C-alpha atoms as a PDB file:
ATOM      1  CA  UNK A   1      11.548 -15.299   7.130  1.00  0.00           C
ATOM      2  CA  UNK A   2      10.080 -15.162   3.635  1.00  0.00           C
ATOM      3  CA  UNK A   3       8.816 -11.906   2.141  1.00  0.00           C
ATOM      4  CA  UNK A   4       7.071 -11.248  -1.172  1.00  0.00           C
ATOM      5  CA  UNK A   5       9.309  -8.830  -3.080  1.00  0.00           C
ATOM      6  CA  UNK A   6       7.622  -8.748  -6.498  1.00  0.00           C
ATOM      7  CA  UNK A   7       4.880 -10.101  -8.732  1.00  0.00           C
ATOM      8  CA  UNK A   8       5.630 -11.076 -12.312  1.00  0.00           C
ATOM      9  CA  UNK A   9       3.579  -9.277 -14.944  1.00  0.00           C
ATOM     10  CA  UNK A  10       3.311  -9.732 -18.687  1.00  0.00           C
ATOM     11  CA  UNK A  11       6.088 -10.819 -21.015  1.00  0.00           C
ATOM     12  CA  UNK A  12       8.134  -8.076 -22.673  1.00  0.00           C
ATOM     13  CA  UNK A  13       9.594  -8.691 -26.103  1.00  0.00           C
ATOM     14  CA  UNK A  14      10.542 -12.101 -27.447  1.00  0.00           C
ATOM     15  CA  UNK A  15      13.693 -12.920 -25.469  1.00  0.00           C
ATOM     16  CA  UNK A  16      12.180 -13.988 -22.147  1.00  0.00           C
ATOM     17  CA  UNK A  17      11.991 -10.708 -20.281  1.00  0.00           C
ATOM     18  CA  UNK A  18       9.045  -9.983 -17.967  1.00  0.00           C
ATOM     19  CA  UNK A  19       7.715  -6.859 -16.306  1.00  0.00           C
ATOM     20  CA  UNK A  20       7.503  -7.021 -12.528  1.00  0.00           C
ATOM     21  CA  UNK A  21       5.417  -5.232  -9.933  1.00  0.00           C
ATOM     22  CA  UNK A  22       7.990  -4.375  -7.275  1.00  0.00           C
ATOM     23  CA  UNK A  23       6.908  -4.953  -3.671  1.00  0.00           C
ATOM     24  CA  UNK A  24      10.130  -4.070  -1.886  1.00  0.00           C
ATOM     25  CA  UNK A  25      11.788  -0.763  -1.080  1.00  0.00           C
ATOM     26  CA  UNK A  26      15.152  -2.328  -1.893  1.00  0.00           C
ATOM     27  CA  UNK A  27      14.810  -3.748  -5.441  1.00  0.00           C
ATOM     28  CA  UNK A  28      18.525  -3.351  -6.143  1.00  0.00           C
ATOM     29  CA  UNK A  29      19.223  -5.681  -3.213  1.00  0.00           C
ATOM     30  CA  UNK A  30      16.352  -8.180  -3.532  1.00  0.00           C
ATOM     31  CA  UNK A  31      15.988  -8.246  -7.324  1.00  0.00           C
ATOM     32  CA  UNK A  32      19.539  -7.935  -8.566  1.00  0.00           C
ATOM     33  CA  UNK A  33      21.279 -10.327 -11.019  1.00  0.00           C
ATOM     34  CA  UNK A  34      22.175 -13.580  -9.311  1.00  0.00           C
ATOM     35  CA  UNK A  35      19.364 -13.441  -6.753  1.00  0.00           C
ATOM     36  CA  UNK A  36      17.623 -16.786  -6.265  1.00  0.00           C
ATOM     37  CA  UNK A  37      13.963 -16.424  -5.349  1.00  0.00           C
ATOM     38  CA  UNK A  38      11.306 -18.838  -4.184  1.00  0.00           C
ATOM     39  CA  UNK A  39       7.913 -18.569  -5.867  1.00  0.00           C
ATOM     40  CA  UNK A  40       4.207 -18.867  -5.291  1.00  0.00           C
ATOM     41  CA  UNK A  41       3.079 -21.220  -6.735  1.00  0.00           C
ATOM     42  CA  UNK A  42       6.115 -23.109  -5.474  1.00  0.00           C
ATOM     43  CA  UNK A  43       6.311 -25.423  -8.497  1.00  0.00           C
ATOM     44  CA  UNK A  44       7.360 -22.562 -10.771  1.00  0.00           C
ATOM     45  CA  UNK A  45      10.583 -21.876  -8.907  1.00  0.00           C
ATOM     46  CA  UNK A  46      13.061 -21.295  -7.608  1.00  0.00           C
ATOM     47  CA  UNK A  47      13.967 -18.636 -10.175  1.00  0.00           C
ATOM     48  CA  UNK A  48      17.408 -17.119 -10.621  1.00  0.00           C
ATOM     49  CA  UNK A  49      17.556 -13.553 -11.929  1.00  0.00           C
ATOM     50  CA  UNK A  50      19.884 -13.361 -14.914  1.00  0.00           C
ATOM     51  CA  UNK A  51      19.495  -9.708 -15.934  1.00  0.00           C
ATOM     52  CA  UNK A  52      17.495  -6.696 -14.895  1.00  0.00           C
ATOM     53  CA  UNK A  53      16.893  -3.250 -16.389  1.00  0.00           C
ATOM     54  CA  UNK A  54      14.462  -0.354 -16.178  1.00  0.00           C
ATOM     55  CA  UNK A  55      12.394   0.434 -19.273  1.00  0.00           C
ATOM     56  CA  UNK A  56       9.811   3.243 -19.385  1.00  0.00           C
ATOM     57  CA  UNK A  57       9.708   3.317 -15.598  1.00  0.00           C
ATOM     58  CA  UNK A  58       9.118  -0.428 -15.227  1.00  0.00           C
ATOM     59  CA  UNK A  59      11.596  -3.022 -14.006  1.00  0.00           C
ATOM     60  CA  UNK A  60      12.241  -5.810 -16.514  1.00  0.00           C
ATOM     61  CA  UNK A  61      13.802  -9.102 -15.419  1.00  0.00           C
ATOM     62  CA  UNK A  62      15.062 -12.136 -17.276  1.00  0.00           C
ATOM     63  CA  UNK A  63      15.407 -15.459 -15.445  1.00  0.00           C
ATOM     64  CA  UNK A  64      17.859 -18.262 -16.105  1.00  0.00           C
ATOM     65  CA  UNK A  65      16.290 -20.877 -18.350  1.00  0.00           C
ATOM     66  CA  UNK A  66      13.517 -18.557 -19.576  1.00  0.00           C
ATOM     67  CA  UNK A  67      14.549 -17.876 -23.158  1.00  0.00           C
ATOM     68  CA  UNK A  68      11.433 -16.857 -25.076  1.00  0.00           C
ATOM     69  CA  UNK A  69       8.120 -15.053 -24.814  1.00  0.00           C
ATOM     70  CA  UNK A  70       6.089 -18.231 -24.326  1.00  0.00           C
ATOM     71  CA  UNK A  71       8.134 -19.276 -21.295  1.00  0.00           C
ATOM     72  CA  UNK A  72       8.022 -15.730 -19.914  1.00  0.00           C
ATOM     73  CA  UNK A  73       4.258 -15.462 -20.314  1.00  0.00           C
ATOM     74  CA  UNK A  74       3.840 -18.736 -18.393  1.00  0.00           C
ATOM     75  CA  UNK A  75       5.300 -16.989 -15.328  1.00  0.00           C
ATOM     76  CA  UNK A  76       2.645 -14.260 -15.285  1.00  0.00           C
ATOM     77  CA  UNK A  77       1.189 -13.489 -11.813  1.00  0.00           C
ATOM     78  CA  UNK A  78       3.857 -15.561 -10.056  1.00  0.00           C
ATOM     79  CA  UNK A  79       4.961 -14.074  -6.732  1.00  0.00           C
ATOM     80  CA  UNK A  80       8.700 -13.757  -6.086  1.00  0.00           C
ATOM     81  CA  UNK A  81       9.740 -14.491  -2.505  1.00  0.00           C
ATOM     82  CA  UNK A  82      13.034 -13.623  -0.802  1.00  0.00           C
ATOM     83  CA  UNK A  83      14.456 -15.136   2.350  1.00  0.00           C
ATOM     84  CA  UNK A  84      15.059 -12.310   4.844  1.00  0.00           C
ATOM     85  CA  UNK A  85      16.632 -12.336   8.298  1.00  0.00           C
ATOM     86  CA  UNK A  86      13.735 -11.428  10.650  1.00  0.00           C
ATOM     87  CA  UNK A  87      16.083  -9.191  12.663  1.00  0.00           C
ATOM     88  CA  UNK A  88      17.089  -7.213   9.577  1.00  0.00           C
ATOM     89  CA  UNK A  89      15.706  -3.682   9.300  1.00  0.00           C
ATOM     90  CA  UNK A  90      15.480  -1.329   6.291  1.00  0.00           C
ATOM     91  CA  UNK A  91      18.247   1.272   6.069  1.00  0.00           C
ATOM     92  CA  UNK A  92      15.719   4.112   6.107  1.00  0.00           C
ATOM     93  CA  UNK A  93      14.167   4.431   9.624  1.00  0.00           C
ATOM     94  CA  UNK A  94      10.930   5.633   8.018  1.00  0.00           C
ATOM     95  CA  UNK A  95      10.522   2.374   6.077  1.00  0.00           C
ATOM     96  CA  UNK A  96       9.231  -0.938   7.377  1.00  0.00           C
ATOM     97  CA  UNK A  97       8.932  -4.520   6.258  1.00  0.00           C
ATOM     98  CA  UNK A  98       5.447  -6.001   6.150  1.00  0.00           C
ATOM     99  CA  UNK A  99       6.194  -8.458   8.949  1.00  0.00           C
ATOM    100  CA  UNK A 100       7.063  -5.553  11.262  1.00  0.00           C
ATOM    101  CA  UNK A 101       3.637  -4.004  10.746  1.00  0.00           C
ATOM    102  CA  UNK A 102       1.388  -7.054  10.875  1.00  0.00           C
ATOM    103  CA  UNK A 103      -0.457  -7.335  14.221  1.00  0.00           C
ATOM    104  CA  UNK A 104       0.300  -3.752  15.306  1.00  0.00           C
ATOM    105  CA  UNK A 105      -2.519  -2.133  17.267  1.00  0.00           C
ATOM    106  CA  UNK A 106      -4.044   0.862  15.464  1.00  0.00           C
ATOM    107  CA  UNK A 107      -5.106   3.734  17.722  1.00  0.00           C
ATOM    108  CA  UNK A 108      -6.059   7.402  17.537  1.00  0.00           C
ATOM    109  CA  UNK A 109      -3.824  10.053  19.123  1.00  0.00           C
ATOM    110  CA  UNK A 110      -5.985   9.978  22.283  1.00  0.00           C
ATOM    111  CA  UNK A 111      -5.526   6.211  22.597  1.00  0.00           C
ATOM    112  CA  UNK A 112      -8.911   5.184  21.209  1.00  0.00           C
ATOM    113  CA  UNK A 113      -8.596   1.660  19.831  1.00  0.00           C
ATOM    114  CA  UNK A 114      -9.383   1.237  16.132  1.00  0.00           C
ATOM    115  CA  UNK A 115      -8.213  -2.323  15.537  1.00  0.00           C
ATOM    116  CA  UNK A 116      -5.288  -4.495  14.491  1.00  0.00           C
ATOM    117  CA  UNK A 117      -3.332  -4.635  11.230  1.00  0.00           C
ATOM    118  CA  UNK A 118      -3.932  -8.033   9.644  1.00  0.00           C
ATOM    119  CA  UNK A 119      -2.645  -7.431   6.114  1.00  0.00           C
ATOM    120  CA  UNK A 120      -0.693  -4.952   3.969  1.00  0.00           C
ATOM    121  CA  UNK A 121      -1.982  -4.383   0.441  1.00  0.00           C
ATOM    122  CA  UNK A 122       0.517  -2.919  -2.016  1.00  0.00           C
ATOM    123  CA  UNK A 123      -1.007  -0.744  -4.729  1.00  0.00           C
ATOM    124  CA  UNK A 124       0.845   1.167  -7.462  1.00  0.00           C
ATOM    125  CA  UNK A 125       0.013   4.532  -5.852  1.00  0.00           C
ATOM    126  CA  UNK A 126       0.268   3.644  -2.149  1.00  0.00           C
ATOM    127  CA  UNK A 127       0.135   0.887   0.456  1.00  0.00           C
ATOM    128  CA  UNK A 128      -2.970   0.094   2.501  1.00  0.00           C
ATOM    129  CA  UNK A 129      -3.313  -1.277   6.015  1.00  0.00           C
ATOM    130  CA  UNK A 130      -6.152  -3.795   6.298  1.00  0.00           C
ATOM    131  CA  UNK A 131      -7.321  -3.292   9.874  1.00  0.00           C
ATOM    132  CA  UNK A 132      -9.625  -5.685  11.697  1.00  0.00           C
ATOM    133  CA  UNK A 133     -11.896  -3.829  14.106  1.00  0.00           C
ATOM    134  CA  UNK A 134     -13.018  -5.226  17.488  1.00  0.00           C
ATOM    135  CA  UNK A 135     -16.438  -6.107  16.008  1.00  0.00           C
ATOM    136  CA  UNK A 136     -14.816  -8.208  13.279  1.00  0.00           C
ATOM    137  CA  UNK A 137     -15.332  -5.717  10.444  1.00  0.00           C
ATOM    138  CA  UNK A 138     -12.435  -4.410   8.366  1.00  0.00           C
ATOM    139  CA  UNK A 139     -11.324  -0.928   7.372  1.00  0.00           C
ATOM    140  CA  UNK A 140      -8.631   0.092   4.873  1.00  0.00           C
ATOM    141  CA  UNK A 141      -6.223   2.815   5.972  1.00  0.00           C
ATOM    142  CA  UNK A 142      -3.797   4.407   3.454  1.00  0.00           C
ATOM    143  CA  UNK A 143      -0.230   4.197   4.722  1.00  0.00           C
ATOM    144  CA  UNK A 144       0.604   7.869   4.129  1.00  0.00           C
ATOM    145  CA  UNK A 145       2.165  10.252   6.629  1.00  0.00           C
ATOM    146  CA  UNK A 146      -0.880  12.554   6.648  1.00  0.00           C
ATOM    147  CA  UNK A 147      -2.949   9.705   8.130  1.00  0.00           C
ATOM    148  CA  UNK A 148      -0.469   7.345   9.815  1.00  0.00           C
ATOM    149  CA  UNK A 149       1.311   9.825  12.051  1.00  0.00           C
ATOM    150  CA  UNK A 150       3.650   7.424  13.836  1.00  0.00           C
ATOM    151  CA  UNK A 151       4.764   3.803  14.010  1.00  0.00           C
ATOM    152  CA  UNK A 152       6.089   2.599  17.371  1.00  0.00           C
ATOM    153  CA  UNK A 153       7.511  -0.903  17.059  1.00  0.00           C
ATOM    154  CA  UNK A 154       8.463  -1.064  20.738  1.00  0.00           C
ATOM    155  CA  UNK A 155       4.913  -0.268  21.824  1.00  0.00           C
ATOM    156  CA  UNK A 156       3.570  -2.333  18.896  1.00  0.00           C
ATOM    157  CA  UNK A 157       1.164   0.325  17.713  1.00  0.00           C
ATOM    158  CA  UNK A 158       0.396   2.639  14.820  1.00  0.00           C
ATOM    159  CA  UNK A 159      -1.118   6.036  15.609  1.00  0.00           C
ATOM    160  CA  UNK A 160      -3.474   7.484  12.999  1.00  0.00           C
ATOM    161  CA  UNK A 161      -5.239  10.790  12.369  1.00  0.00           C
ATOM    162  CA  UNK A 162      -7.970   9.736   9.926  1.00  0.00           C
ATOM    163  CA  UNK A 163     -10.002  12.205   7.840  1.00  0.00           C
ATOM    164  CA  UNK A 164     -13.729  12.364   8.490  1.00  0.00           C
ATOM    165  CA  UNK A 165     -15.532   9.279   7.204  1.00  0.00           C
ATOM    166  CA  UNK A 166     -12.480   7.018   6.780  1.00  0.00           C
ATOM    167  CA  UNK A 167     -13.168   4.945   9.891  1.00  0.00           C
ATOM    168  CA  UNK A 168     -16.912   5.524  10.330  1.00  0.00           C
ATOM    169  CA  UNK A 169     -18.858   5.958   7.107  1.00  0.00           C
ATOM    170  CA  UNK A 170     -21.767   7.526   9.032  1.00  0.00           C
ATOM    171  CA  UNK A 171     -19.606  10.562   9.742  1.00  0.00           C
ATOM    172  CA  UNK A 172     -19.161  11.164   6.027  1.00  0.00           C
ATOM    173  CA  UNK A 173     -22.939  11.035   5.479  1.00  0.00           C
ATOM    174  CA  UNK A 174     -23.551  13.501   8.299  1.00  0.00           C
ATOM    175  CA  UNK A 175     -20.890  15.855   6.985  1.00  0.00           C
ATOM    176  CA  UNK A 176     -22.318  15.681   3.487  1.00  0.00           C
ATOM    177  CA  UNK A 177     -25.829  16.477   4.706  1.00  0.00           C
ATOM    178  CA  UNK A 178     -24.559  19.397   6.730  1.00  0.00           C
ATOM    179  CA  UNK A 179     -22.611  20.780   3.771  1.00  0.00           C
ATOM    180  CA  UNK A 180     -25.736  20.596   1.609  1.00  0.00           C
ATOM    181  CA  UNK A 181     -27.758  22.418   4.256  1.00  0.00           C
ATOM    182  CA  UNK A 182     -25.087  25.091   4.600  1.00  0.00           C
ATOM    183  CA  UNK A 183     -25.025  25.473   0.841  1.00  0.00           C
ATOM    184  CA  UNK A 184     -28.787  25.931   0.746  1.00  0.00           C
ATOM    185  CA  UNK A 185     -28.607  28.595   3.454  1.00  0.00           C
ATOM    186  CA  UNK A 186     -25.846  30.432   1.572  1.00  0.00           C
ATOM    187  CA  UNK A 187     -27.911  30.389  -1.605  1.00  0.00           C
ATOM    188  CA  UNK A 188     -30.931  31.730   0.222  1.00  0.00           C
ATOM    189  CA  UNK A 189     -28.849  34.544   1.699  1.00  0.00           C
ATOM    190  CA  UNK A 190     -27.491  35.491  -1.722  1.00  0.00           C
ATOM    191  CA  UNK A 191     -30.973  35.410  -3.268  1.00  0.00           C
ATOM    192  CA  UNK A 192     -32.245  37.764  -0.553  1.00  0.00           C
ATOM    193  CA  UNK A 193     -29.742  40.399  -1.689  1.00  0.00           C
ATOM    194  CA  UNK A 194     -27.667  40.329   1.494  1.00  0.00           C
ATOM    195  CA  UNK A 195     -24.451  40.360  -0.534  1.00  0.00           C
ATOM    196  CA  UNK A 196     -22.844  37.844   1.863  1.00  0.00           C
ATOM    197  CA  UNK A 197     -20.522  35.192   0.406  1.00  0.00           C
ATOM    198  CA  UNK A 198     -18.912  32.210   2.118  1.00  0.00           C
ATOM    199  CA  UNK A 199     -15.299  31.106   1.886  1.00  0.00           C
ATOM    200  CA  UNK A 200     -16.314  27.449   1.639  1.00  0.00           C
ATOM    201  CA  UNK A 201     -13.809  26.310   4.229  1.00  0.00           C
ATOM    202  CA  UNK A 202     -13.608  22.521   4.154  1.00  0.00           C
ATOM    203  CA  UNK A 203     -13.054  20.318   7.184  1.00  0.00           C
ATOM    204  CA  UNK A 204     -10.679  17.414   6.949  1.00  0.00           C
ATOM    205  CA  UNK A 205      -7.904  16.939   4.432  1.00  0.00           C
ATOM    206  CA  UNK A 206      -7.641  15.967   0.773  1.00  0.00           C
END
């Protein structure tokens, strides 16, 4: 099975190095010197990693046969693809490969169906599940433990506890209107000289 493990960014320096956007939890295994990677577009590769180092928090790679900045810049936005045994699992039980998550059913804790994971989007700050709902619409769910409470590969489902408004935008509008009304009532109470103050307790999570 082929998995995208990185995307090539801009050239770095004049000796053929490139920055890469890492898309694997095991860069030392997938992106180490000597690794041979397929590419998208396919005509660019395969590429063999010659050297790798971390600079200012970014991984820099140099590929065999890429000797200068011009050649490195020509690789920009190329996806790097590794061949992975489909039965292989990450060492950390809390980590998952994309192919393990695609097509999982997404449900609430009470079993309410939300949809099906059709895509994983990798962002610098977090990963997102793209979930197709039964009506054909899509919703994006951050893959963070506060929201995705459990992944059950045997049952083929992901259980979520979404904050208000994440799944149904109408809920967010209702909550906002209610907060404004509550705020107006609090202001009126203060203006009347009652001396009452509210704690401003918020529902949901940040």
